[in-house]
Amino acid sequence: MDILKITRPDRNWYEIIIWWEVRRIPYNFLMYFVGIASFYISFITIPLVYLLVGLGLNLIYTFGWIIELIFRHKMSENLKMKFSNIVYIIYLLISTCIIFGIALSLLFQFY
């Protein structure tokens, strides 16, 4: 089973939201491990930092389906089939870079 698979381009609004929200679970799972790895890089022991970063990234994650819903009528069928997958993967990479970027900047700030 392919977690990113989209079977048809003419999905309803609720199918788009469900697609994104079901994938929020593995996204948060991966971000948890990235957060743990960033802890070992920068040794941030304040849980509030992780909570705020996690909430912020999840808020931005929500824009994935909001943007898709706004622009889906202007997309070609080919783009409708690829948009969610591409944006999901890009955002996963950006989120990872943000978390590691924060950890590395804090690490170099102390040295």
PDB file of N, CA and C in Angstrom:
ATOM      1  N   MET A   1       0.836  -1.188   0.000  1.00  0.00           N
ATOM      2  CA  MET A   1       0.000   0.000   0.000  1.00  0.00           C
ATOM      3  C   MET A   1       0.877   1.246   0.000  1.00  0.00           C
ATOM      4  N   ASP A   2       0.661   2.107  -0.947  1.00  0.00           N
ATOM      5  CA  ASP A   2       1.436   3.334  -1.076  1.00  0.00           C
ATOM      6  C   ASP A   2       0.737   4.449  -0.312  1.00  0.00           C
ATOM      7  N   ILE A   3       1.407   4.985   0.694  1.00  0.00           N
ATOM      8  CA  ILE A   3       0.786   6.000   1.552  1.00  0.00           C
ATOM      9  C   ILE A   3       0.478   7.284   0.781  1.00  0.00           C
ATOM     10  N   LEU A   4       1.195   7.559  -0.278  1.00  0.00           N
ATOM     11  CA  LEU A   4       0.989   8.788  -1.031  1.00  0.00           C
ATOM     12  C   LEU A   4       0.077   8.622  -2.239  1.00  0.00           C
ATOM     13  N   LYS A   5      -0.480   7.446  -2.427  1.00  0.00           N
ATOM     14  CA  LYS A   5      -1.252   7.156  -3.631  1.00  0.00           C
ATOM     15  C   LYS A   5      -2.559   7.949  -3.676  1.00  0.00           C
ATOM     16  N   ILE A   6      -2.784   8.566  -4.822  1.00  0.00           N
ATOM     17  CA  ILE A   6      -4.053   9.236  -5.114  1.00  0.00           C
ATOM     18  C   ILE A   6      -4.642   8.502  -6.298  1.00  0.00           C
ATOM     19  N   THR A   7      -5.878   8.037  -6.148  1.00  0.00           N
ATOM     20  CA  THR A   7      -6.463   7.166  -7.165  1.00  0.00           C
ATOM     21  C   THR A   7      -7.193   7.903  -8.269  1.00  0.00           C
ATOM     22  N   ARG A   8      -7.669   9.123  -7.992  1.00  0.00           N
ATOM     23  CA  ARG A   8      -8.393   9.860  -9.033  1.00  0.00           C
ATOM     24  C   ARG A   8      -8.247  11.358  -8.806  1.00  0.00           C
ATOM     25  N   PRO A   9      -8.260  12.140  -9.887  1.00  0.00           N
ATOM     26  CA  PRO A   9      -8.046  13.582  -9.754  1.00  0.00           C
ATOM     27  C   PRO A   9      -9.271  14.366  -9.273  1.00  0.00           C
ATOM     28  N   ASP A  10     -10.453  13.790  -9.378  1.00  0.00           N
ATOM     29  CA  ASP A  10     -11.681  14.525  -9.046  1.00  0.00           C
ATOM     30  C   ASP A  10     -12.168  14.233  -7.632  1.00  0.00           C
ATOM     31  N   ARG A  11     -11.273  14.369  -6.672  1.00  0.00           N
ATOM     32  CA  ARG A  11     -11.632  14.108  -5.285  1.00  0.00           C
ATOM     33  C   ARG A  11     -12.505  15.234  -4.737  1.00  0.00           C
ATOM     34  N   ASN A  12     -13.399  14.887  -3.813  1.00  0.00           N
ATOM     35  CA  ASN A  12     -14.219  15.879  -3.126  1.00  0.00           C
ATOM     36  C   ASN A  12     -13.381  16.597  -2.090  1.00  0.00           C
ATOM     37  N   TRP A  13     -13.905  17.713  -1.571  1.00  0.00           N
ATOM     38  CA  TRP A  13     -13.163  18.509  -0.594  1.00  0.00           C
ATOM     39  C   TRP A  13     -12.825  17.691   0.649  1.00  0.00           C
ATOM     40  N   TYR A  14     -13.767  16.863   1.100  1.00  0.00           N
ATOM     41  CA  TYR A  14     -13.513  16.085   2.309  1.00  0.00           C
ATOM     42  C   TYR A  14     -12.501  14.972   2.061  1.00  0.00           C
ATOM     43  N   GLU A  15     -12.417  14.459   0.846  1.00  0.00           N
ATOM     44  CA  GLU A  15     -11.409  13.447   0.518  1.00  0.00           C
ATOM     45  C   GLU A  15     -10.005  14.055   0.533  1.00  0.00           C
ATOM     46  N   ILE A  16      -9.905  15.301   0.100  1.00  0.00           N
ATOM     47  CA  ILE A  16      -8.617  15.991   0.128  1.00  0.00           C
ATOM     48  C   ILE A  16      -8.172  16.208   1.574  1.00  0.00           C
ATOM     49  N   ILE A  17      -9.092  16.674   2.408  1.00  0.00           N
ATOM     50  CA  ILE A  17      -8.763  16.901   3.816  1.00  0.00           C
ATOM     51  C   ILE A  17      -8.389  15.587   4.501  1.00  0.00           C
ATOM     52  N   ILE A  18      -9.142  14.531   4.235  1.00  0.00           N
ATOM     53  CA  ILE A  18      -8.839  13.221   4.834  1.00  0.00           C
ATOM     54  C   ILE A  18      -7.482  12.731   4.376  1.00  0.00           C
ATOM     55  N   TRP A  19      -7.148  12.904   3.087  1.00  0.00           N
ATOM     56  CA  TRP A  19      -5.851  12.482   2.570  1.00  0.00           C
ATOM     57  C   TRP A  19      -4.736  13.133   3.381  1.00  0.00           C
ATOM     58  N   TRP A  20      -4.851  14.441   3.592  1.00  0.00           N
ATOM     59  CA  TRP A  20      -3.819  15.163   4.329  1.00  0.00           C
ATOM     60  C   TRP A  20      -3.794  14.779   5.803  1.00  0.00           C
ATOM     61  N   GLU A  21      -4.963  14.672   6.414  1.00  0.00           N
ATOM     62  CA  GLU A  21      -5.004  14.419   7.856  1.00  0.00           C
ATOM     63  C   GLU A  21      -4.566  13.004   8.215  1.00  0.00           C
ATOM     64  N   VAL A  22      -4.835  12.038   7.368  1.00  0.00           N
ATOM     65  CA  VAL A  22      -4.356  10.677   7.620  1.00  0.00           C
ATOM     66  C   VAL A  22      -2.830  10.650   7.565  1.00  0.00           C
ATOM     67  N   ARG A  23      -2.254  11.448   6.691  1.00  0.00           N
ATOM     68  CA  ARG A  23      -0.800  11.489   6.555  1.00  0.00           C
ATOM     69  C   ARG A  23      -0.135  12.369   7.603  1.00  0.00           C
ATOM     70  N   ARG A  24      -0.935  13.107   8.351  1.00  0.00           N
ATOM     71  CA  ARG A  24      -0.373  13.896   9.459  1.00  0.00           C
ATOM     72  C   ARG A  24       0.206  12.963  10.524  1.00  0.00           C
ATOM     73  N   ILE A  25      -0.366  11.787  10.682  1.00  0.00           N
ATOM     74  CA  ILE A  25       0.100  10.833  11.688  1.00  0.00           C
ATOM     75  C   ILE A  25       1.531  10.379  11.387  1.00  0.00           C
ATOM     76  N   PRO A  26       1.825   9.873  10.171  1.00  0.00           N
ATOM     77  CA  PRO A  26       3.234   9.514   9.910  1.00  0.00           C
ATOM     78  C   PRO A  26       4.146  10.737   9.881  1.00  0.00           C
ATOM     79  N   TYR A  27       3.606  11.895   9.459  1.00  0.00           N
ATOM     80  CA  TYR A  27       4.406  13.122   9.476  1.00  0.00           C
ATOM     81  C   TYR A  27       4.853  13.423  10.909  1.00  0.00           C
ATOM     82  N   ASN A  28       3.917  13.413  11.842  1.00  0.00           N
ATOM     83  CA  ASN A  28       4.262  13.692  13.238  1.00  0.00           C
ATOM     84  C   ASN A  28       5.160  12.615  13.827  1.00  0.00           C
ATOM     85  N   PHE A  29       4.967  11.378  13.419  1.00  0.00           N
ATOM     86  CA  PHE A  29       5.822  10.280  13.867  1.00  0.00           C
ATOM     87  C   PHE A  29       7.268  10.532  13.428  1.00  0.00           C
ATOM     88  N   LEU A  30       7.446  10.902  12.165  1.00  0.00           N
ATOM     89  CA  LEU A  30       8.790  11.190  11.660  1.00  0.00           C
ATOM     90  C   LEU A  30       9.382  12.421  12.342  1.00  0.00           C
ATOM     91  N   MET A  31       8.560  13.448  12.545  1.00  0.00           N
ATOM     92  CA  MET A  31       9.044  14.663  13.196  1.00  0.00           C
ATOM     93  C   MET A  31       9.434  14.401  14.649  1.00  0.00           C
ATOM     94  N   TYR A  32       8.774  13.442  15.284  1.00  0.00           N
ATOM     95  CA  TYR A  32       9.149  13.056  16.649  1.00  0.00           C
ATOM     96  C   TYR A  32      10.598  12.560  16.667  1.00  0.00           C
ATOM     97  N   PHE A  33      10.935  11.681  15.725  1.00  0.00           N
ATOM     98  CA  PHE A  33      12.291  11.138  15.683  1.00  0.00           C
ATOM     99  C   PHE A  33      13.310  12.187  15.249  1.00  0.00           C
ATOM    100  N   VAL A  34      12.897  13.084  14.373  1.00  0.00           N
ATOM    101  CA  VAL A  34      13.784  14.189  14.001  1.00  0.00           C
ATOM    102  C   VAL A  34      14.027  15.079  15.223  1.00  0.00           C
ATOM    103  N   GLY A  35      12.970  15.309  16.003  1.00  0.00           N
ATOM    104  CA  GLY A  35      13.112  16.099  17.231  1.00  0.00           C
ATOM    105  C   GLY A  35      14.044  15.449  18.226  1.00  0.00           C
ATOM    106  N   ILE A  36      13.931  14.134  18.367  1.00  0.00           N
ATOM    107  CA  ILE A  36      14.835  13.404  19.265  1.00  0.00           C
ATOM    108  C   ILE A  36      16.278  13.540  18.775  1.00  0.00           C
ATOM    109  N   ALA A  37      16.479  13.395  17.472  1.00  0.00           N
ATOM    110  CA  ALA A  37      17.831  13.540  16.923  1.00  0.00           C
ATOM    111  C   ALA A  37      18.353  14.958  17.136  1.00  0.00           C
ATOM    112  N   SER A  38      17.474  15.955  16.995  1.00  0.00           N
ATOM    113  CA  SER A  38      17.917  17.339  17.202  1.00  0.00           C
ATOM    114  C   SER A  38      18.266  17.592  18.663  1.00  0.00           C
ATOM    115  N   PHE A  39      17.600  16.877  19.559  1.00  0.00           N
ATOM    116  CA  PHE A  39      17.934  16.993  20.978  1.00  0.00           C
ATOM    117  C   PHE A  39      19.392  16.589  21.215  1.00  0.00           C
ATOM    118  N   TYR A  40      19.818  15.513  20.565  1.00  0.00           N
ATOM    119  CA  TYR A  40      21.189  15.044  20.753  1.00  0.00           C
ATOM    120  C   TYR A  40      22.206  15.945  20.069  1.00  0.00           C
ATOM    121  N   ILE A  41      21.735  16.785  19.150  1.00  0.00           N
ATOM    122  CA  ILE A  41      22.641  17.744  18.512  1.00  0.00           C
ATOM    123  C   ILE A  41      22.828  18.969  19.398  1.00  0.00           C
ATOM    124  N   SER A  42      21.718  19.514  19.901  1.00  0.00           N
ATOM    125  CA  SER A  42      21.801  20.793  20.615  1.00  0.00           C
ATOM    126  C   SER A  42      21.541  20.695  22.107  1.00  0.00           C
ATOM    127  N   PHE A  43      21.074  19.564  22.577  1.00  0.00           N
ATOM    128  CA  PHE A  43      20.799  19.336  23.993  1.00  0.00           C
ATOM    129  C   PHE A  43      19.840  20.378  24.593  1.00  0.00           C
ATOM    130  N   ILE A  44      18.780  20.681  23.833  1.00  0.00           N
ATOM    131  CA  ILE A  44      17.742  21.577  24.355  1.00  0.00           C
ATOM    132  C   ILE A  44      16.900  20.754  25.313  1.00  0.00           C
ATOM    133  N   THR A  45      16.859  21.161  26.554  1.00  0.00           N
ATOM    134  CA  THR A  45      16.121  20.392  27.552  1.00  0.00           C
ATOM    135  C   THR A  45      14.819  21.071  27.961  1.00  0.00           C
ATOM    136  N   ILE A  46      14.432  22.105  27.239  1.00  0.00           N
ATOM    137  CA  ILE A  46      13.195  22.812  27.551  1.00  0.00           C
ATOM    138  C   ILE A  46      12.091  22.245  26.664  1.00  0.00           C
ATOM    139  N   PRO A  47      11.167  21.477  27.231  1.00  0.00           N
ATOM    140  CA  PRO A  47      10.113  20.850  26.428  1.00  0.00           C
ATOM    141  C   PRO A  47       9.230  21.858  25.694  1.00  0.00           C
ATOM    142  N   LEU A  48       9.123  23.072  26.208  1.00  0.00           N
ATOM    143  CA  LEU A  48       8.291  24.088  25.572  1.00  0.00           C
ATOM    144  C   LEU A  48       8.783  24.412  24.163  1.00  0.00           C
ATOM    145  N   VAL A  49      10.086  24.371  23.965  1.00  0.00           N
ATOM    146  CA  VAL A  49      10.648  24.633  22.638  1.00  0.00           C
ATOM    147  C   VAL A  49      10.126  23.602  21.641  1.00  0.00           C
ATOM    148  N   TYR A  50      10.174  22.335  22.010  1.00  0.00           N
ATOM    149  CA  TYR A  50       9.697  21.275  21.116  1.00  0.00           C
ATOM    150  C   TYR A  50       8.196  21.384  20.883  1.00  0.00           C
ATOM    151  N   LEU A  51       7.470  21.737  21.913  1.00  0.00           N
ATOM    152  CA  LEU A  51       6.020  21.889  21.795  1.00  0.00           C
ATOM    153  C   LEU A  51       5.667  23.026  20.846  1.00  0.00           C
ATOM    154  N   LEU A  52       6.325  24.169  20.991  1.00  0.00           N
ATOM    155  CA  LEU A  52       6.044  25.308  20.124  1.00  0.00           C
ATOM    156  C   LEU A  52       6.429  25.041  18.671  1.00  0.00           C
ATOM    157  N   VAL A  53       7.580  24.421  18.470  1.00  0.00           N
ATOM    158  CA  VAL A  53       8.005  24.092  17.106  1.00  0.00           C
ATOM    159  C   VAL A  53       7.038  23.082  16.490  1.00  0.00           C
ATOM    160  N   GLY A  54       6.651  22.071  17.259  1.00  0.00           N
ATOM    161  CA  GLY A  54       5.707  21.067  16.763  1.00  0.00           C
ATOM    162  C   GLY A  54       4.351  21.663  16.417  1.00  0.00           C
ATOM    163  N   LEU A  55       3.850  22.531  17.266  1.00  0.00           N
ATOM    164  CA  LEU A  55       2.567  23.178  16.984  1.00  0.00           C
ATOM    165  C   LEU A  55       2.658  24.085  15.761  1.00  0.00           C
ATOM    166  N   GLY A  56       3.756  24.815  15.665  1.00  0.00           N
ATOM    167  CA  GLY A  56       3.949  25.684  14.503  1.00  0.00           C
ATOM    168  C   GLY A  56       4.029  24.909  13.201  1.00  0.00           C
ATOM    169  N   LEU A  57       4.788  23.826  13.205  1.00  0.00           N
ATOM    170  CA  LEU A  57       4.912  23.013  11.993  1.00  0.00           C
ATOM    171  C   LEU A  57       3.586  22.350  11.630  1.00  0.00           C
ATOM    172  N   ASN A  58       2.810  21.943  12.626  1.00  0.00           N
ATOM    173  CA  ASN A  58       1.504  21.352  12.336  1.00  0.00           C
ATOM    174  C   ASN A  58       0.517  22.389  11.818  1.00  0.00           C
ATOM    175  N   LEU A  59       0.631  23.610  12.293  1.00  0.00           N
ATOM    176  CA  LEU A  59      -0.220  24.677  11.774  1.00  0.00           C
ATOM    177  C   LEU A  59       0.091  24.935  10.301  1.00  0.00           C
ATOM    178  N   ILE A  60       1.373  24.993   9.989  1.00  0.00           N
ATOM    179  CA  ILE A  60       1.779  25.191   8.600  1.00  0.00           C
ATOM    180  C   ILE A  60       1.388  23.986   7.748  1.00  0.00           C
ATOM    181  N   TYR A  61       1.452  22.781   8.302  1.00  0.00           N
ATOM    182  CA  TYR A  61       1.049  21.565   7.589  1.00  0.00           C
ATOM    183  C   TYR A  61      -0.389  21.681   7.090  1.00  0.00           C
ATOM    184  N   THR A  62      -1.245  22.294   7.891  1.00  0.00           N
ATOM    185  CA  THR A  62      -2.655  22.448   7.534  1.00  0.00           C
ATOM    186  C   THR A  62      -2.824  23.245   6.246  1.00  0.00           C
ATOM    187  N   PHE A  63      -1.888  24.134   5.956  1.00  0.00           N
ATOM    188  CA  PHE A  63      -1.986  24.911   4.727  1.00  0.00           C
ATOM    189  C   PHE A  63      -1.869  24.033   3.484  1.00  0.00           C
ATOM    190  N   GLY A  64      -1.345  22.823   3.604  1.00  0.00           N
ATOM    191  CA  GLY A  64      -1.259  21.915   2.457  1.00  0.00           C
ATOM    192  C   GLY A  64      -2.627  21.645   1.865  1.00  0.00           C
ATOM    193  N   TRP A  65      -3.566  21.227   2.688  1.00  0.00           N
ATOM    194  CA  TRP A  65      -4.895  20.950   2.141  1.00  0.00           C
ATOM    195  C   TRP A  65      -5.692  22.219   1.883  1.00  0.00           C
ATOM    196  N   ILE A  66      -5.411  23.287   2.625  1.00  0.00           N
ATOM    197  CA  ILE A  66      -6.103  24.552   2.352  1.00  0.00           C
ATOM    198  C   ILE A  66      -5.722  25.071   0.971  1.00  0.00           C
ATOM    199  N   ILE A  67      -4.431  25.061   0.661  1.00  0.00           N
ATOM    200  CA  ILE A  67      -3.966  25.520  -0.652  1.00  0.00           C
ATOM    201  C   ILE A  67      -4.504  24.621  -1.756  1.00  0.00           C
ATOM    202  N   GLU A  68      -4.503  23.320  -1.515  1.00  0.00           N
ATOM    203  CA  GLU A  68      -5.035  22.405  -2.525  1.00  0.00           C
ATOM    204  C   GLU A  68      -6.515  22.669  -2.784  1.00  0.00           C
ATOM    205  N   LEU A  69      -7.285  22.908  -1.734  1.00  0.00           N
ATOM    206  CA  LEU A  69      -8.705  23.195  -1.915  1.00  0.00           C
ATOM    207  C   LEU A  69      -8.936  24.509  -2.660  1.00  0.00           C
ATOM    208  N   ILE A  70      -8.122  25.506  -2.386  1.00  0.00           N
ATOM    209  CA  ILE A  70      -8.283  26.806  -3.042  1.00  0.00           C
ATOM    210  C   ILE A  70      -7.963  26.724  -4.528  1.00  0.00           C
ATOM    211  N   PHE A  71      -6.891  26.021  -4.882  1.00  0.00           N
ATOM    212  CA  PHE A  71      -6.413  26.029  -6.260  1.00  0.00           C
ATOM    213  C   PHE A  71      -6.770  24.791  -7.072  1.00  0.00           C
ATOM    214  N   ARG A  72      -7.519  23.847  -6.527  1.00  0.00           N
ATOM    215  CA  ARG A  72      -7.782  22.598  -7.254  1.00  0.00           C
ATOM    216  C   ARG A  72      -8.564  22.808  -8.535  1.00  0.00           C
ATOM    217  N   HIS A  73      -9.398  23.828  -8.590  1.00  0.00           N
ATOM    218  CA  HIS A  73     -10.193  24.078  -9.802  1.00  0.00           C
ATOM    219  C   HIS A  73      -9.337  24.640 -10.934  1.00  0.00           C
ATOM    220  N   LYS A  74      -8.186  25.175 -10.604  1.00  0.00           N
ATOM    221  CA  LYS A  74      -7.288  25.744 -11.610  1.00  0.00           C
ATOM    222  C   LYS A  74      -6.203  24.769 -12.039  1.00  0.00           C
ATOM    223  N   MET A  75      -6.141  23.600 -11.400  1.00  0.00           N
ATOM    224  CA  MET A  75      -5.091  22.620 -11.695  1.00  0.00           C
ATOM    225  C   MET A  75      -5.528  21.682 -12.827  1.00  0.00           C
ATOM    226  N   SER A  76      -4.539  21.256 -13.597  1.00  0.00           N
ATOM    227  CA  SER A  76      -4.813  20.222 -14.592  1.00  0.00           C
ATOM    228  C   SER A  76      -5.003  18.891 -13.870  1.00  0.00           C
ATOM    229  N   GLU A  77      -5.566  17.912 -14.571  1.00  0.00           N
ATOM    230  CA  GLU A  77      -5.769  16.597 -13.938  1.00  0.00           C
ATOM    231  C   GLU A  77      -4.441  15.971 -13.549  1.00  0.00           C
ATOM    232  N   ASN A  78      -3.439  16.157 -14.365  1.00  0.00           N
ATOM    233  CA  ASN A  78      -2.120  15.617 -14.056  1.00  0.00           C
ATOM    234  C   ASN A  78      -1.563  16.240 -12.776  1.00  0.00           C
ATOM    235  N   LEU A  79      -1.704  17.558 -12.640  1.00  0.00           N
ATOM    236  CA  LEU A  79      -1.216  18.234 -11.436  1.00  0.00           C
ATOM    237  C   LEU A  79      -2.033  17.836 -10.215  1.00  0.00           C
ATOM    238  N   LYS A  80      -3.326  17.634 -10.381  1.00  0.00           N
ATOM    239  CA  LYS A  80      -4.168  17.198  -9.263  1.00  0.00           C
ATOM    240  C   LYS A  80      -3.702  15.852  -8.721  1.00  0.00           C
ATOM    241  N   MET A  81      -3.207  14.995  -9.582  1.00  0.00           N
ATOM    242  CA  MET A  81      -2.745  13.675  -9.162  1.00  0.00           C
ATOM    243  C   MET A  81      -1.383  13.756  -8.451  1.00  0.00           C
ATOM    244  N   LYS A  82      -0.601  14.792  -8.733  1.00  0.00           N
ATOM    245  CA  LYS A  82       0.752  14.883  -8.192  1.00  0.00           C
ATOM    246  C   LYS A  82       0.915  15.921  -7.089  1.00  0.00           C
ATOM    247  N   PHE A  83       0.040  16.919  -7.037  1.00  0.00           N
ATOM    248  CA  PHE A  83       0.219  18.064  -6.145  1.00  0.00           C
ATOM    249  C   PHE A  83       0.415  17.643  -4.694  1.00  0.00           C
ATOM    250  N   SER A  84      -0.510  16.872  -4.158  1.00  0.00           N
ATOM    251  CA  SER A  84      -0.447  16.486  -2.744  1.00  0.00           C
ATOM    252  C   SER A  84       0.840  15.747  -2.423  1.00  0.00           C
ATOM    253  N   ASN A  85       1.212  14.804  -3.279  1.00  0.00           N
ATOM    254  CA  ASN A  85       2.429  14.023  -3.045  1.00  0.00           C
ATOM    255  C   ASN A  85       3.663  14.914  -3.012  1.00  0.00           C
ATOM    256  N   ILE A  86       3.762  15.795  -3.991  1.00  0.00           N
ATOM    257  CA  ILE A  86       4.938  16.663  -4.098  1.00  0.00           C
ATOM    258  C   ILE A  86       5.011  17.602  -2.896  1.00  0.00           C
ATOM    259  N   VAL A  87       3.893  18.236  -2.579  1.00  0.00           N
ATOM    260  CA  VAL A  87       3.879  19.187  -1.465  1.00  0.00           C
ATOM    261  C   VAL A  87       4.157  18.476  -0.143  1.00  0.00           C
ATOM    262  N   TYR A  88       3.600  17.284   0.038  1.00  0.00           N
ATOM    263  CA  TYR A  88       3.830  16.523   1.273  1.00  0.00           C
ATOM    264  C   TYR A  88       5.311  16.220   1.461  1.00  0.00           C
ATOM    265  N   ILE A  89       5.950  15.725   0.425  1.00  0.00           N
ATOM    266  CA  ILE A  89       7.369  15.366   0.513  1.00  0.00           C
ATOM    267  C   ILE A  89       8.230  16.612   0.718  1.00  0.00           C
ATOM    268  N   ILE A  90       7.916  17.681  -0.019  1.00  0.00           N
ATOM    269  CA  ILE A  90       8.680  18.923   0.140  1.00  0.00           C
ATOM    270  C   ILE A  90       8.533  19.456   1.561  1.00  0.00           C
ATOM    271  N   TYR A  91       7.304  19.443   2.084  1.00  0.00           N
ATOM    272  CA  TYR A  91       7.105  19.959   3.429  1.00  0.00           C
ATOM    273  C   TYR A  91       7.782  19.075   4.479  1.00  0.00           C
ATOM    274  N   LEU A  92       7.795  17.793   4.252  1.00  0.00           N
ATOM    275  CA  LEU A  92       8.503  16.893   5.157  1.00  0.00           C
ATOM    276  C   LEU A  92       9.995  17.242   5.192  1.00  0.00           C
ATOM    277  N   LEU A  93      10.568  17.492   4.030  1.00  0.00           N
ATOM    278  CA  LEU A  93      11.984  17.868   3.961  1.00  0.00           C
ATOM    279  C   LEU A  93      12.237  19.245   4.585  1.00  0.00           C
ATOM    280  N   ILE A  94      11.340  20.198   4.308  1.00  0.00           N
ATOM    281  CA  ILE A  94      11.490  21.537   4.885  1.00  0.00           C
ATOM    282  C   ILE A  94      11.385  21.481   6.407  1.00  0.00           C
ATOM    283  N   SER A  95      10.421  20.713   6.914  1.00  0.00           N
ATOM    284  CA  SER A  95      10.250  20.591   8.364  1.00  0.00           C
ATOM    285  C   SER A  95      11.495  20.005   9.012  1.00  0.00           C
ATOM    286  N   THR A  96      12.053  18.982   8.377  1.00  0.00           N
ATOM    287  CA  THR A  96      13.275  18.362   8.888  1.00  0.00           C
ATOM    288  C   THR A  96      14.414  19.377   8.906  1.00  0.00           C
ATOM    289  N   CYS A  97      14.542  20.148   7.838  1.00  0.00           N
ATOM    290  CA  CYS A  97      15.589  21.170   7.777  1.00  0.00           C
ATOM    291  C   CYS A  97      15.381  22.245   8.837  1.00  0.00           C
ATOM    292  N   ILE A  98      14.121  22.618   9.078  1.00  0.00           N
ATOM    293  CA  ILE A  98      13.839  23.628  10.108  1.00  0.00           C
ATOM    294  C   ILE A  98      14.266  23.114  11.482  1.00  0.00           C
ATOM    295  N   ILE A  99      13.875  21.895  11.794  1.00  0.00           N
ATOM    296  CA  ILE A  99      14.206  21.351  13.114  1.00  0.00           C
ATOM    297  C   ILE A  99      15.711  21.203  13.287  1.00  0.00           C
ATOM    298  N   PHE A 100      16.377  20.623  12.292  1.00  0.00           N
ATOM    299  CA  PHE A 100      17.827  20.495  12.394  1.00  0.00           C
ATOM    300  C   PHE A 100      18.506  21.856  12.336  1.00  0.00           C
ATOM    301  N   GLY A 101      17.929  22.786  11.578  1.00  0.00           N
ATOM    302  CA  GLY A 101      18.486  24.141  11.510  1.00  0.00           C
ATOM    303  C   GLY A 101      18.442  24.838  12.848  1.00  0.00           C
ATOM    304  N   ILE A 102      17.326  24.702  13.549  1.00  0.00           N
ATOM    305  CA  ILE A 102      17.215  25.289  14.890  1.00  0.00           C
ATOM    306  C   ILE A 102      18.246  24.656  15.821  1.00  0.00           C
ATOM    307  N   ALA A 103      18.344  23.329  15.762  1.00  0.00           N
ATOM    308  CA  ALA A 103      19.293  22.628  16.637  1.00  0.00           C
ATOM    309  C   ALA A 103      20.732  23.042  16.338  1.00  0.00           C
ATOM    310  N   LEU A 104      21.084  23.117  15.066  1.00  0.00           N
ATOM    311  CA  LEU A 104      22.452  23.495  14.713  1.00  0.00           C
ATOM    312  C   LEU A 104      22.746  24.946  15.053  1.00  0.00           C
ATOM    313  N   SER A 105      21.769  25.819  14.852  1.00  0.00           N
ATOM    314  CA  SER A 105      22.008  27.229  15.189  1.00  0.00           C
ATOM    315  C   SER A 105      22.193  27.400  16.692  1.00  0.00           C
ATOM    316  N   LEU A 106      21.441  26.651  17.486  1.00  0.00           N
ATOM    317  CA  LEU A 106      21.621  26.713  18.932  1.00  0.00           C
ATOM    318  C   LEU A 106      22.953  26.110  19.345  1.00  0.00           C
ATOM    319  N   LEU A 107      23.361  25.060  18.663  1.00  0.00           N
ATOM    320  CA  LEU A 107      24.646  24.436  18.978  1.00  0.00           C
ATOM    321  C   LEU A 107      25.795  25.395  18.705  1.00  0.00           C
ATOM    322  N   PHE A 108      25.770  26.061  17.533  1.00  0.00           N
ATOM    323  CA  PHE A 108      26.857  26.971  17.181  1.00  0.00           C
ATOM    324  C   PHE A 108      26.779  28.276  17.956  1.00  0.00           C
ATOM    325  N   GLN A 109      25.623  28.603  18.495  1.00  0.00           N
ATOM    326  CA  GLN A 109      25.484  29.820  19.272  1.00  0.00           C
ATOM    327  C   GLN A 109      26.246  29.708  20.590  1.00  0.00           C
ATOM    328  N   PHE A 110      26.328  28.507  21.107  1.00  0.00           N
ATOM    329  CA  PHE A 110      27.012  28.313  22.380  1.00  0.00           C
ATOM    330  C   PHE A 110      28.512  28.128  22.231  1.00  0.00           C
ATOM    331  N   TYR A 111      28.992  27.966  20.996  1.00  0.00           N
ATOM    332  CA  TYR A 111      30.438  27.759  20.786  1.00  0.00           C
ATOM    333  C   TYR A 111      31.087  28.945  20.156  1.00  0.00           C
TER     334      TYR A 111
END
